[in-house]
N, C-alpha and C. Protein backbone atom coordinates (compact mmCIF):
# COMPACT_ATOMS: atom_id res chain seq x y z
N UNK A 1 -3.79 -16.06 9.03
CA UNK A 1 -4.45 -15.72 7.68
C UNK A 1 -3.53 -15.74 6.94
N UNK A 2 -3.74 -16.20 5.64
CA UNK A 2 -2.84 -15.89 4.28
C UNK A 2 -3.22 -14.92 3.46
N UNK A 3 -2.38 -13.81 2.92
CA UNK A 3 -2.97 -13.15 2.01
C UNK A 3 -2.01 -12.99 0.72
N UNK A 4 -2.60 -13.42 -0.19
CA UNK A 4 -2.03 -13.56 -1.45
C UNK A 4 -1.93 -11.62 -2.23
N UNK A 5 -0.82 -11.42 -2.71
CA UNK A 5 -0.84 -10.21 -3.38
C UNK A 5 -0.90 -9.21 -2.47
N UNK A 6 -0.76 -9.21 -1.29
CA UNK A 6 -0.62 -7.83 -0.49
C UNK A 6 -0.01 -6.89 -0.67
N UNK A 7 1.70 -6.99 -1.29
CA UNK A 7 2.28 -6.01 -1.97
C UNK A 7 2.67 -6.42 -3.24
N UNK A 8 2.33 -5.38 -3.88
CA UNK A 8 2.66 -5.25 -5.42
C UNK A 8 4.39 -5.46 -6.22
N UNK A 9 4.68 -5.77 -6.66
CA UNK A 9 5.83 -5.80 -7.11
C UNK A 9 6.36 -4.23 -7.03
N UNK A 10 6.05 -3.42 -7.61
CA UNK A 10 6.59 -2.00 -7.91
C UNK A 10 6.43 -1.37 -6.37
N UNK A 11 5.57 -1.61 -5.68
CA UNK A 11 6.01 -1.70 -4.08
C UNK A 11 7.07 -2.13 -3.46
N UNK A 12 6.92 -3.39 -3.70
CA UNK A 12 8.55 -4.24 -3.04
C UNK A 12 9.41 -3.81 -3.54
N UNK A 13 9.57 -3.28 -4.95
CA UNK A 13 10.90 -2.91 -5.31
C UNK A 13 11.36 -1.44 -4.75
N UNK A 14 10.35 -0.44 -4.70
CA UNK A 14 10.50 0.56 -3.88
C UNK A 14 11.20 0.44 -2.69
N UNK A 15 10.36 -0.26 -1.98
CA UNK A 15 10.73 -0.54 -0.51
C UNK A 15 12.22 -1.45 -0.33
N UNK A 16 12.45 -2.07 -1.19
CA UNK A 16 13.83 -2.35 -0.98
C UNK A 16 14.84 -1.56 -1.32
N UNK A 17 14.80 -0.66 -2.42
CA UNK A 17 15.51 0.89 -2.61
C UNK A 17 15.50 1.74 -1.51
N UNK A 18 14.49 1.65 -1.08
CA UNK A 18 14.21 2.65 0.34
C UNK A 18 15.02 2.08 1.74
N UNK A 19 15.16 0.69 2.07
CA UNK A 19 15.65 0.10 2.93
C UNK A 19 16.83 -0.18 2.67
N UNK A 20 17.67 -0.01 1.55
CA UNK A 20 18.77 -0.63 1.47
C UNK A 20 20.15 0.21 2.17
N UNK A 21 19.77 1.53 2.28
CA UNK A 21 21.04 2.04 3.02
C UNK A 21 20.72 2.20 4.81
N UNK A 22 19.70 1.83 5.10
CA UNK A 22 19.32 1.62 6.59
C UNK A 22 19.46 0.46 7.07
N UNK A 23 19.89 -0.58 6.71
CA UNK A 23 20.26 -1.97 7.05
C UNK A 23 21.47 -1.86 8.46
N UNK A 24 21.20 -2.51 9.35
CA UNK A 24 22.07 -2.51 10.57
C UNK A 24 21.52 -4.08 11.13
N UNK A 25 22.71 -4.70 11.80
CA UNK A 25 22.33 -6.05 12.55
C UNK A 25 20.86 -6.08 13.39
N UNK A 26 20.33 -6.97 13.21
CA UNK A 26 18.97 -7.33 14.01
C UNK A 26 19.40 -7.40 15.48
N UNK A 27 18.76 -6.61 16.29
CA UNK A 27 18.64 -6.82 17.65
C UNK A 27 17.46 -7.67 18.48
N UNK A 28 17.50 -8.01 19.76
CA UNK A 28 16.31 -8.63 20.01
C UNK A 28 15.90 -7.63 21.57
N UNK A 29 14.80 -7.80 22.08
CA UNK A 29 14.82 -7.02 23.08
C UNK A 29 14.76 -7.75 24.41
N UNK A 30 15.36 -7.23 25.37
CA UNK A 30 15.86 -7.76 26.53
C UNK A 30 14.89 -6.93 27.81
N UNK A 31 15.48 -7.42 28.75
CA UNK A 31 14.58 -6.95 30.03
C UNK A 31 14.95 -5.26 30.03
N UNK A 32 13.81 -4.54 30.18
CA UNK A 32 13.52 -2.95 30.70
C UNK A 32 13.89 -2.75 29.17
N UNK A 33 13.37 -3.28 28.09
CA UNK A 33 13.30 -2.79 26.82
C UNK A 33 14.96 -2.47 26.16
N UNK A 34 15.88 -3.31 26.25
CA UNK A 34 16.92 -2.87 25.97
C UNK A 34 17.61 -3.77 24.80
N UNK A 35 17.89 -3.23 23.67
CA UNK A 35 18.32 -4.09 22.36
C UNK A 35 19.56 -4.77 22.60
N UNK A 36 19.42 -6.21 22.17
CA UNK A 36 21.10 -6.99 22.44
C UNK A 36 21.10 -7.50 21.26
N UNK A 37 22.21 -7.59 20.95
CA UNK A 37 22.51 -8.42 19.69
C UNK A 37 23.06 -9.90 20.04
N UNK A 38 22.42 -10.57 19.48
CA UNK A 38 22.08 -12.19 19.94
C UNK A 38 22.32 -13.05 18.97
N UNK A 39 22.81 -14.03 19.11
CA UNK A 39 22.92 -15.27 18.07
C UNK A 39 21.57 -15.89 17.68
N UNK A 40 20.58 -15.32 18.73
CA UNK A 40 19.08 -16.08 18.17
C UNK A 40 18.95 -14.93 16.92
N UNK A 41 19.01 -13.84 16.56
CA UNK A 41 18.63 -13.28 15.57
C UNK A 41 20.02 -12.69 14.95
N UNK A 42 20.01 -13.32 13.76
CA UNK A 42 21.41 -13.14 13.25
C UNK A 42 21.22 -12.07 11.72
N UNK A 43 20.00 -11.99 11.50
CA UNK A 43 19.39 -11.19 10.26
C UNK A 43 19.98 -9.66 10.34
N UNK A 44 19.66 -9.13 9.39
CA UNK A 44 19.97 -7.45 9.44
C UNK A 44 18.35 -7.06 9.19
N UNK A 45 18.26 -5.55 9.95
CA UNK A 45 16.98 -4.92 9.97
C UNK A 45 17.15 -3.42 9.45
N UNK A 46 16.07 -2.85 8.78
CA UNK A 46 16.05 -1.57 8.40
C UNK A 46 14.46 -1.04 8.75
N UNK A 47 14.67 0.19 9.51
CA UNK A 47 13.39 0.55 9.82
C UNK A 47 13.29 1.88 8.74
N UNK A 48 11.95 1.72 8.36
CA UNK A 48 11.43 2.56 7.62
C UNK A 48 10.90 3.72 7.81
N UNK A 49 11.36 4.95 7.05
CA UNK A 49 10.65 6.06 7.47
C UNK A 49 8.94 6.38 7.58
N UNK A 50 8.35 6.64 8.58
CA UNK A 50 7.16 6.96 8.52
C UNK A 50 6.53 7.80 7.44
N UNK A 51 7.15 8.76 7.42
CA UNK A 51 6.63 9.58 6.52
C UNK A 51 6.36 9.66 4.94
N UNK A 52 7.25 8.37 4.74
CA UNK A 52 7.05 7.94 3.01
C UNK A 52 5.74 7.56 2.48
N UNK A 53 5.34 8.27 1.53
CA UNK A 53 3.69 7.95 1.04
C UNK A 53 3.81 6.44 0.73
N UNK A 54 4.57 5.48 0.35
CA UNK A 54 4.42 4.26 0.03
C UNK A 54 4.62 3.39 1.42
N UNK A 55 5.06 3.79 2.71
CA UNK A 55 4.75 3.10 3.54
C UNK A 55 3.93 3.26 4.28
N UNK A 56 3.25 4.95 4.13
CA UNK A 56 2.08 5.17 4.65
C UNK A 56 0.60 4.10 4.06
N UNK A 57 0.88 4.20 2.53
CA UNK A 57 -0.19 3.30 1.86
C UNK A 57 -0.11 1.92 2.43
N UNK A 58 0.91 1.34 2.75
CA UNK A 58 1.04 0.00 3.21
C UNK A 58 0.56 0.01 4.19
N UNK A 59 0.56 0.97 5.57
CA UNK A 59 0.30 0.66 6.62
C UNK A 59 -1.22 1.04 6.71
N UNK A 60 -1.64 1.89 5.55
CA UNK A 60 -3.41 2.05 5.96
C UNK A 60 -3.68 0.55 4.96
N UNK A 61 -3.24 0.00 4.36
CA UNK A 61 -3.54 -1.37 3.65
C UNK A 61 -3.75 -2.35 4.98
N UNK A 62 -2.71 -2.52 5.68
CA UNK A 62 -2.86 -3.26 7.02
C UNK A 62 -3.95 -3.00 7.95
N UNK A 63 -3.88 -1.82 8.21
CA UNK A 63 -5.06 -1.26 9.12
C UNK A 63 -6.07 -2.03 8.45
N UNK A 64 -6.46 -1.51 6.99
CA UNK A 64 -7.66 -1.88 6.21
C UNK A 64 -8.01 -3.40 6.86
N UNK A 65 -7.09 -4.05 6.45
CA UNK A 65 -7.02 -5.66 6.77
C UNK A 65 -7.70 -6.05 7.91
N UNK A 66 -7.35 -4.98 9.07
CA UNK A 66 -7.54 -5.57 10.43
C UNK A 66 -9.01 -4.88 11.11
N UNK A 67 -9.74 -4.48 9.89
CA UNK A 67 -10.66 -3.79 10.43
C UNK A 67 -10.64 -2.23 10.62
N UNK A 68 -9.73 -1.46 9.94
CA UNK A 68 -9.60 -0.05 10.20
C UNK A 68 -9.12 0.17 11.27
N UNK A 69 -8.02 -0.37 12.10
CA UNK A 69 -7.09 -0.31 13.01
C UNK A 69 -6.86 1.37 12.93
N UNK A 70 -6.64 1.79 14.43
CA UNK A 70 -5.87 3.61 14.23
C UNK A 70 -4.40 3.36 13.68
N UNK A 71 -4.37 4.02 12.71
CA UNK A 71 -2.78 4.05 12.21
C UNK A 71 -1.74 4.45 13.35
N UNK A 72 -2.05 5.06 14.39
CA UNK A 72 -1.34 5.10 15.50
C UNK A 72 -0.65 4.03 15.70
N UNK A 73 -1.50 3.28 16.03
CA UNK A 73 -1.26 1.83 16.93
C UNK A 73 -0.34 0.67 16.02
N UNK A 74 -0.05 1.50 14.54
CA UNK A 74 1.00 0.42 13.76
C UNK A 74 2.40 1.03 14.39
N UNK A 75 3.17 0.08 14.57
CA UNK A 75 4.70 0.27 14.84
C UNK A 75 5.76 0.93 13.80
N UNK A 76 6.52 1.41 13.51
CA UNK A 76 7.22 1.72 12.26
C UNK A 76 7.27 0.37 11.23
N UNK A 77 7.35 0.69 10.11
CA UNK A 77 7.69 -0.85 9.51
C UNK A 77 9.03 -1.04 9.59
N UNK A 78 9.51 -2.26 9.50
CA UNK A 78 10.72 -3.00 9.57
C UNK A 78 11.05 -3.90 8.58
N UNK A 79 11.92 -3.43 7.86
CA UNK A 79 12.38 -4.80 6.83
C UNK A 79 13.32 -5.73 7.40
N UNK A 80 13.27 -6.99 7.15
CA UNK A 80 14.24 -7.95 7.85
C UNK A 80 14.73 -8.78 6.62
N UNK A 81 16.15 -8.49 6.63
CA UNK A 81 16.79 -9.45 5.51
C UNK A 81 17.63 -10.65 6.02
N UNK A 82 17.54 -11.68 5.29
CA UNK A 82 18.18 -12.93 5.79
C UNK A 82 19.19 -13.23 4.91
N UNK A 83 20.55 -13.42 4.70
CA UNK A 83 21.27 -13.79 4.11
C UNK A 83 21.74 -15.44 4.24
N UNK A 84 22.42 -15.88 3.59
CA UNK A 84 22.80 -17.37 3.77
C UNK A 84 22.94 -17.40 5.23
N UNK A 85 22.37 -18.36 5.58
CA UNK A 85 22.86 -18.93 7.12
C UNK A 85 22.12 -18.03 8.13
N UNK A 86 21.51 -16.49 7.59
CA UNK A 86 21.12 -16.00 8.82
C UNK A 86 19.51 -16.32 9.07
N UNK A 87 19.40 -16.16 10.54
CA UNK A 87 18.16 -16.74 10.99
C UNK A 87 17.55 -15.88 12.28
N UNK A 88 16.20 -15.93 12.50
CA UNK A 88 15.85 -15.90 13.85
C UNK A 88 14.90 -16.82 14.27
N UNK A 89 15.60 -17.58 15.58
CA UNK A 89 15.29 -18.59 16.25
C UNK A 89 13.94 -18.33 16.84
N UNK A 90 13.21 -19.44 17.09
CA UNK A 90 11.66 -19.22 17.64
C UNK A 90 11.64 -18.45 18.75
N UNK A 91 10.87 -17.67 18.46
CA UNK A 91 10.10 -16.62 19.33
C UNK A 91 8.74 -16.30 19.07
N UNK A 92 8.06 -15.17 20.04
CA UNK A 92 7.08 -14.43 20.06
C UNK A 92 7.07 -13.00 19.91
N UNK A 93 5.93 -12.69 18.94
CA UNK A 93 6.41 -11.25 18.64
C UNK A 93 5.56 -10.29 19.91
N UNK A 94 6.28 -10.32 21.18
CA UNK A 94 5.38 -9.44 22.26
C UNK A 94 6.59 -8.77 22.89
N UNK A 95 6.22 -8.01 23.66
CA UNK A 95 6.83 -7.20 24.52
C UNK A 95 7.22 -7.82 25.91
N UNK A 96 8.38 -7.72 26.54
CA UNK A 96 8.44 -8.49 27.47
C UNK A 96 7.89 -7.80 29.15
N UNK A 97 7.45 -6.54 28.99
CA UNK A 97 7.24 -5.67 29.95
C UNK A 97 5.34 -6.04 30.17
N UNK A 98 5.01 -6.67 30.96
CA UNK A 98 3.69 -6.87 31.14
C UNK A 98 2.63 -5.62 31.39
N UNK A 99 3.30 -4.67 32.04
CA UNK A 99 2.50 -3.36 32.27
C UNK A 99 2.86 -2.32 31.13
N UNK A 100 3.50 -2.66 30.12
CA UNK A 100 3.58 -1.73 29.12
C UNK A 100 2.47 -1.70 28.00
N UNK A 101 1.95 -0.24 27.80
CA UNK A 101 0.67 -0.26 27.43
C UNK A 101 0.78 -0.78 25.52
N UNK A 102 1.69 -0.86 25.19
CA UNK A 102 1.92 -0.99 23.68
C UNK A 102 2.42 -2.46 23.85
N UNK A 103 1.49 -3.35 23.23
CA UNK A 103 1.99 -4.69 22.88
C UNK A 103 1.64 -4.96 21.56
N UNK A 104 2.53 -5.97 21.14
CA UNK A 104 2.14 -6.08 19.64
C UNK A 104 1.05 -7.48 19.46
N UNK A 105 -0.21 -6.50 19.60
CA UNK A 105 -1.48 -7.46 19.65
C UNK A 105 -1.55 -8.65 18.43
N UNK A 106 -0.85 -8.02 17.04
CA UNK A 106 -0.84 -8.49 15.95
C UNK A 106 0.40 -8.78 15.01
N UNK A 107 0.57 -9.26 14.39
CA UNK A 107 1.58 -9.31 13.09
C UNK A 107 1.38 -9.31 11.64
N UNK A 108 2.16 -8.86 10.94
CA UNK A 108 1.58 -8.96 9.70
C UNK A 108 3.04 -9.41 9.00
N UNK A 109 3.41 -10.35 8.39
CA UNK A 109 4.60 -10.42 7.66
C UNK A 109 4.57 -10.76 6.43
N UNK A 110 4.93 -9.97 5.69
CA UNK A 110 4.89 -9.75 3.94
C UNK A 110 6.56 -10.38 3.55
N UNK A 111 6.28 -10.89 2.35
CA UNK A 111 7.65 -11.01 1.77
C UNK A 111 7.78 -9.89 0.65
N UNK A 112 9.30 -9.70 0.52
CA UNK A 112 9.28 -8.67 -0.34
C UNK A 112 10.23 -9.42 -1.71
N UNK A 113 11.17 -9.95 -1.29
CA UNK A 113 11.98 -10.59 -2.23
C UNK A 113 12.38 -12.33 -1.40
N UNK A 114 12.74 -13.03 -2.57
CA UNK A 114 13.30 -14.43 -1.79
C UNK A 114 13.67 -15.48 -3.24
N UNK A 115 15.21 -15.22 -3.26
CA UNK A 115 16.17 -16.16 -4.00
C UNK A 115 16.54 -17.22 -3.11
N UNK A 116 15.72 -17.67 -2.61
CA UNK A 116 16.27 -18.92 -1.74
C UNK A 116 15.10 -19.97 -1.75
N UNK A 117 15.52 -21.41 -1.30
CA UNK A 117 14.32 -22.43 -1.32
C UNK A 117 14.46 -22.54 0.31
N UNK A 118 13.46 -23.30 0.60
CA UNK A 118 13.22 -23.56 1.90
C UNK A 118 13.73 -22.60 3.16
N UNK A 119 13.24 -21.18 2.73
CA UNK A 119 13.71 -20.31 3.78
C UNK A 119 12.64 -19.62 4.16
N UNK A 120 11.36 -20.24 4.55
CA UNK A 120 10.20 -19.71 5.02
C UNK A 120 9.84 -19.29 6.50
N UNK A 121 8.81 -19.17 6.93
CA UNK A 121 8.63 -18.91 8.17
C UNK A 121 8.07 -20.02 8.89
N UNK A 122 8.42 -20.63 10.19
CA UNK A 122 7.95 -22.01 10.52
C UNK A 122 7.34 -21.23 12.07
N UNK A 123 6.19 -22.33 11.97
CA UNK A 123 5.61 -22.15 13.30
C UNK A 123 5.55 -23.76 13.92
N UNK A 124 6.57 -23.84 14.67
CA UNK A 124 6.56 -25.41 15.44
C UNK A 124 5.60 -25.74 16.54
N UNK A 125 4.75 -24.65 16.82
CA UNK A 125 3.74 -25.42 17.86
C UNK A 125 2.44 -25.54 16.98
N UNK A 126 2.39 -25.45 15.81
CA UNK A 126 1.10 -26.10 14.87
C UNK A 126 1.37 -26.92 13.42
N UNK A 127 0.73 -27.84 13.55
CA UNK A 127 0.82 -28.98 12.85
C UNK A 127 -0.36 -29.33 11.84
N UNK A 128 -0.29 -29.43 10.59
CA UNK A 128 -1.24 -29.59 9.99
C UNK A 128 -1.00 -31.03 9.26
N UNK A 129 -2.32 -31.79 8.94
CA UNK A 129 -2.32 -32.77 8.39
C UNK A 129 -2.60 -32.39 6.98
N UNK A 130 -1.53 -32.42 6.08
CA UNK A 130 -1.74 -32.15 4.44
C UNK A 130 -2.60 -33.28 3.78
N UNK A 131 -2.42 -34.39 3.87
CA UNK A 131 -3.19 -35.49 3.17
C UNK A 131 -4.88 -34.81 3.33
N UNK A 132 -5.44 -34.15 4.52
CA UNK A 132 -6.70 -34.09 4.84
C UNK A 132 -7.09 -32.79 4.34
N UNK A 133 -5.94 -31.92 3.67
CA UNK A 133 -6.31 -30.29 3.06
C UNK A 133 -6.25 -30.37 1.76
N UNK A 134 -6.53 -29.14 1.12
CA UNK A 134 -6.85 -29.09 -0.07
C UNK A 134 -5.14 -28.63 -0.60
N UNK A 135 -4.85 -29.25 -1.68
CA UNK A 135 -3.62 -29.53 -2.11
C UNK A 135 -3.05 -28.21 -2.49
N UNK A 136 -3.76 -27.14 -2.93
CA UNK A 136 -3.46 -25.83 -3.36
C UNK A 136 -2.85 -25.21 -2.45
N UNK A 137 -2.91 -25.56 -1.24
CA UNK A 137 -2.08 -24.80 -0.27
C UNK A 137 -0.49 -25.51 -0.36
N UNK A 138 0.15 -26.33 -0.90
CA UNK A 138 1.30 -26.43 -1.10
C UNK A 138 2.02 -25.56 -1.76
N UNK A 139 1.11 -24.59 -2.41
CA UNK A 139 1.99 -23.44 -3.13
C UNK A 139 2.45 -22.60 -2.24
N UNK A 140 1.59 -22.47 -0.96
CA UNK A 140 2.17 -21.30 0.08
C UNK A 140 2.63 -21.78 1.26
N UNK A 141 2.55 -23.27 1.33
CA UNK A 141 2.89 -23.87 2.73
C UNK A 141 3.70 -25.11 2.23
N UNK A 142 4.48 -25.67 2.91
CA UNK A 142 5.68 -26.42 2.89
C UNK A 142 4.75 -28.08 3.40
N UNK A 143 3.78 -28.85 2.41
CA UNK A 143 3.52 -30.02 2.57
C UNK A 143 3.95 -31.21 2.85
N UNK A 144 5.46 -31.08 2.85
CA UNK A 144 6.14 -32.09 3.23
C UNK A 144 6.07 -32.40 4.77
N UNK A 145 5.75 -31.69 5.48
CA UNK A 145 6.29 -31.28 7.00
C UNK A 145 4.79 -31.20 7.65
N UNK A 146 4.30 -32.19 8.13
CA UNK A 146 3.19 -32.16 9.03
C UNK A 146 3.43 -32.22 10.32
N UNK A 147 4.71 -31.85 10.92
CA UNK A 147 4.98 -31.52 12.49
C UNK A 147 5.21 -30.35 12.58
N UNK A 148 5.03 -29.50 11.64
CA UNK A 148 4.86 -27.85 12.09
C UNK A 148 4.46 -27.13 10.82
N UNK A 149 3.82 -26.05 11.07
CA UNK A 149 3.49 -25.21 9.62
C UNK A 149 4.30 -24.54 9.37
N UNK A 150 4.88 -24.48 7.99
CA UNK A 150 5.93 -23.51 7.52
C UNK A 150 5.25 -22.76 6.29
N UNK A 151 5.49 -21.69 6.00
CA UNK A 151 4.93 -20.68 5.53
C UNK A 151 6.02 -20.49 4.39
N UNK A 152 5.72 -21.03 2.82
CA UNK A 152 6.85 -20.32 2.02
C UNK A 152 7.13 -18.99 1.81
N UNK A 153 8.15 -18.61 1.88
CA UNK A 153 8.40 -17.07 1.34
C UNK A 153 8.10 -16.84 -0.17
N UNK A 154 6.81 -16.55 -0.20
CA UNK A 154 6.41 -15.90 -1.74
C UNK A 154 6.34 -14.54 -1.53
N UNK A 155 7.29 -13.85 -2.62
CA UNK A 155 7.42 -12.46 -2.80
C UNK A 155 5.81 -11.83 -3.24
N UNK A 156 5.45 -11.03 -2.42
CA UNK A 156 4.12 -10.21 -2.50
C UNK A 156 3.24 -10.95 -1.33
N UNK A 157 3.17 -11.79 -0.72
CA UNK A 157 2.37 -12.51 -0.08
C UNK A 157 2.51 -12.19 1.33
N UNK A 158 1.63 -12.14 2.15
CA UNK A 158 1.62 -12.14 3.70
C UNK A 158 0.87 -12.98 4.67
N UNK A 159 1.36 -13.16 5.71
CA UNK A 159 0.84 -14.05 6.66
C UNK A 159 0.45 -13.00 7.83
N UNK A 160 -0.72 -13.40 8.27
CA UNK A 160 -1.22 -12.11 9.81
C UNK A 160 -1.42 -13.38 10.45
N UNK A 161 -1.38 -12.55 11.72
CA UNK A 161 -1.74 -13.44 13.34
C UNK A 161 -1.80 -12.49 14.39
N UNK A 162 -2.65 -13.04 15.16
CA UNK A 162 -2.79 -12.64 16.69
C UNK A 162 -1.92 -13.00 17.72
N UNK A 163 -1.13 -12.17 18.41
CA UNK A 163 -0.45 -12.81 19.12
C UNK A 163 -0.46 -13.17 20.48
N UNK A 164 -2.09 -12.61 20.84
CA UNK A 164 -2.44 -12.84 21.88
C UNK A 164 -4.03 -13.61 22.04
N UNK A 165 -4.33 -14.39 22.90
CA UNK A 165 -5.76 -14.91 22.70
C UNK A 165 -6.72 -14.02 23.43
N UNK A 166 -8.18 -14.36 23.60
CA UNK A 166 -9.12 -13.07 23.87
C UNK A 166 -9.01 -12.62 25.20
N UNK A 167 -8.15 -13.56 26.07
CA UNK A 167 -7.73 -12.94 27.52
C UNK A 167 -6.56 -12.45 27.38
N UNK A 168 -5.65 -12.17 26.59
CA UNK A 168 -4.73 -11.45 26.23
C UNK A 168 -3.53 -12.21 26.80
N UNK A 169 -3.83 -13.35 26.52
CA UNK A 169 -2.35 -14.31 27.21
C UNK A 169 -1.66 -14.58 26.07
N UNK A 170 -0.71 -14.79 25.62
CA UNK A 170 0.40 -15.10 24.55
C UNK A 170 -0.13 -16.53 24.20
N UNK A 171 -0.39 -16.27 22.78
CA UNK A 171 -0.88 -17.74 22.29
C UNK A 171 0.24 -18.62 21.89
N UNK A 172 0.52 -19.65 22.62
CA UNK A 172 1.96 -19.95 22.29
C UNK A 172 1.78 -20.92 20.54
N UNK A 173 0.75 -21.04 20.32
CA UNK A 173 0.72 -21.44 18.78
C UNK A 173 1.15 -20.40 18.05
N UNK A 174 1.22 -19.00 18.22
CA UNK A 174 2.35 -18.18 17.55
C UNK A 174 3.81 -18.35 17.56
N UNK A 175 4.60 -19.23 18.34
CA UNK A 175 5.83 -19.19 18.29
C UNK A 175 6.15 -19.34 16.95
N UNK A 176 7.11 -18.87 16.54
CA UNK A 176 7.53 -19.00 15.00
C UNK A 176 9.33 -18.66 14.74
N UNK A 177 9.48 -18.98 13.81
CA UNK A 177 11.03 -18.54 13.42
C UNK A 177 11.35 -18.43 11.97
N UNK A 178 12.30 -17.51 11.96
CA UNK A 178 12.63 -17.33 10.27
C UNK A 178 13.55 -18.24 9.87
N UNK A 179 13.56 -19.04 8.86
CA UNK A 179 14.42 -20.22 8.65
C UNK A 179 15.53 -19.59 7.73
N UNK A 180 16.67 -20.03 8.21
CA UNK A 180 17.81 -19.58 7.43
C UNK A 180 18.07 -20.07 5.92
N UNK A 181 18.36 -18.94 4.75
CA UNK A 181 18.71 -19.46 3.78
C UNK A 181 19.73 -20.33 3.34
N UNK A 182 19.79 -21.46 2.51
CA UNK A 182 21.16 -22.13 2.87
C UNK A 182 21.95 -21.35 1.52
N UNK A 183 21.19 -20.54 0.47
CA UNK A 183 21.87 -19.78 -0.73
C UNK A 183 20.87 -18.85 -0.96
N UNK A 184 21.02 -17.84 -0.99
CA UNK A 184 20.17 -16.66 -1.70
C UNK A 184 20.10 -15.53 -0.42
N UNK A 185 18.71 -14.91 -0.80
CA UNK A 185 18.60 -14.03 0.35
C UNK A 185 17.00 -14.06 0.63
N UNK A 186 16.77 -13.83 1.56
CA UNK A 186 14.98 -13.48 1.91
C UNK A 186 15.14 -12.23 2.46
N UNK A 187 14.00 -11.17 2.09
CA UNK A 187 13.52 -10.10 2.55
C UNK A 187 12.20 -9.99 3.28
N UNK A 188 12.02 -9.63 4.22
CA UNK A 188 10.62 -9.33 4.89
C UNK A 188 9.91 -8.38 5.18
N UNK A 189 8.94 -7.84 5.71
CA UNK A 189 8.36 -6.67 5.98
C UNK A 189 7.61 -7.15 7.60
N UNK A 190 8.02 -6.60 8.43
CA UNK A 190 7.47 -6.65 9.58
C UNK A 190 6.41 -5.46 9.80
N UNK A 191 5.19 -5.68 10.15
CA UNK A 191 4.43 -4.80 10.66
C UNK A 191 3.54 -5.12 11.76
N UNK A 192 3.55 -4.50 12.99
CA UNK A 192 3.05 -4.71 14.19
C UNK A 192 2.01 -3.70 14.62
N UNK A 193 0.96 -4.44 15.02
CA UNK A 193 -0.11 -3.45 15.51
C UNK A 193 0.01 -3.08 17.00
N UNK A 194 0.06 -2.47 17.54
CA UNK A 194 -0.21 -2.64 19.30
C UNK A 194 -1.60 -2.05 19.74
N UNK A 195 -1.57 -2.72 20.85
CA UNK A 195 -3.38 -2.00 21.43
C UNK A 195 -3.26 -0.92 22.31
């Protein structure tokens, strides 16, 4: 699902200021939930404080979008900044431990800032025949590429997806990657909902 105007400019600016002193090198989750630094993910990350009123408002908005999911099921909001050449190679937003009760059932990824071109989020297992689609989508997706779906980095807008199918198997079509900016910066907001 694509959401236009999920985060207004004044909230985006506020979140960027809030997260500025909190950035650290991004990590990936390894076996037994260990945090690993890897070339798979070279961006930086800032975990935002749960008690901030703007953060709480965005979590409530995401809850409403998902049919009023319990606020306790949302992980802390996480800013992810991609500077020139930084990326997150193809991955799924899931936990590795099958018996773990908290699984990232859904992902909502919103763009706060983008001073780059061709630096969106790509889904290599999804393809779209853009000649058969409404060309207005090209404002939000890269219509030059039909072999994968690439969502453009448009500030304020968000993309939402379920990470599992109805049988709770990982949906292979949710494989995605944060593309590296050639120049400039992209900052996104991750919001995961657990089961």
